[in-house]
């Protein structure tokens, strides 16, 4: 199990918690947010345990979930 990955942390940025098991897909979502004009601090997790931990620690504004592959119930 890989630890949570933080993509592009920025002060005052939109806090995004992204549940994703594919690194390429996580990068594509980050890229789409940037292209859409969002400054985003994105934390990517793969498991329910990581999700729960980061939900408290990261206090996201938005949660993005890959429902087809991530291991979160």
Protein backbone atom coordinates (compact mmCIF):
# COMPACT_ATOMS: atom_id res chain seq x y z
CA UNK A 1 0.00 0.00 0.00
CA UNK A 2 1.50 3.32 -1.06
CA UNK A 3 1.15 6.33 1.23
CA UNK A 4 -1.16 9.18 0.29
CA UNK A 5 0.27 11.32 -2.49
CA UNK A 6 -0.07 15.10 -2.48
CA UNK A 7 -0.20 16.77 -5.90
CA UNK A 8 0.62 20.49 -6.22
CA UNK A 9 0.07 21.78 -2.67
CA UNK A 10 -0.61 25.53 -2.68
CA UNK A 11 -1.70 27.85 0.13
CA UNK A 12 -5.35 28.83 -0.27
CA UNK A 13 -5.91 26.18 -2.95
CA UNK A 14 -9.03 24.08 -3.38
CA UNK A 15 -8.48 21.03 -1.14
CA UNK A 16 -9.27 17.86 -3.09
CA UNK A 17 -9.25 14.32 -1.70
CA UNK A 18 -9.04 11.93 -4.66
CA UNK A 19 -9.67 8.20 -4.22
CA UNK A 20 -7.86 6.63 -7.17
CA UNK A 21 -5.85 3.47 -7.75
CA UNK A 22 -4.32 4.56 -11.06
CA UNK A 23 -1.53 7.16 -10.96
CA UNK A 24 -2.09 8.23 -14.55
CA UNK A 25 -5.79 8.86 -13.92
CA UNK A 26 -4.89 10.89 -10.83
CA UNK A 27 -2.58 13.05 -12.93
CA UNK A 28 -5.28 13.50 -15.59
CA UNK A 29 -7.74 14.74 -12.97
CA UNK A 30 -5.12 17.14 -11.58
CA UNK A 31 -4.41 18.39 -15.09
CA UNK A 32 -8.12 18.89 -15.82
CA UNK A 33 -8.53 20.93 -12.63
CA UNK A 34 -5.55 23.13 -13.56
CA UNK A 35 -6.87 23.61 -17.10
CA UNK A 36 -10.23 24.54 -15.61
CA UNK A 37 -8.55 27.35 -13.69
CA UNK A 38 -8.47 25.70 -10.27
CA UNK A 39 -5.47 25.97 -7.98
CA UNK A 40 -5.80 22.65 -6.16
CA UNK A 41 -4.01 20.83 -3.37
CA UNK A 42 -4.82 17.22 -4.22
CA UNK A 43 -4.29 14.27 -1.90
CA UNK A 44 -4.58 10.92 -3.69
CA UNK A 45 -5.40 7.79 -1.66
CA UNK A 46 -6.08 4.20 -2.64
CA UNK A 47 -7.68 2.53 0.38
CA UNK A 48 -10.52 3.12 2.80
CA UNK A 49 -8.05 3.43 5.66
CA UNK A 50 -6.09 6.15 3.84
CA UNK A 51 -9.34 7.85 2.88
CA UNK A 52 -10.54 7.99 6.48
CA UNK A 53 -7.19 9.25 7.73
CA UNK A 54 -6.91 11.96 5.05
CA UNK A 55 -10.55 12.99 5.42
CA UNK A 56 -9.70 14.15 8.94
CA UNK A 57 -6.16 15.40 8.22
CA UNK A 58 -6.72 17.11 4.85
CA UNK A 59 -10.26 18.46 5.49
CA UNK A 60 -11.11 18.53 1.77
CA UNK A 61 -13.43 20.93 0.02
CA UNK A 62 -14.13 18.26 -2.62
CA UNK A 63 -13.88 14.45 -2.72
CA UNK A 64 -13.36 12.76 -6.11
CA UNK A 65 -13.88 8.98 -6.16
CA UNK A 66 -13.06 6.47 -8.88
CA UNK A 67 -15.94 4.13 -8.12
CA UNK A 68 -14.81 1.45 -10.56
CA UNK A 69 -11.42 0.58 -9.12
CA UNK A 70 -10.61 2.12 -5.76
CA UNK A 71 -10.84 -0.03 -2.64
CA UNK A 72 -13.21 2.09 -0.55
CA UNK A 73 -16.60 0.88 0.68
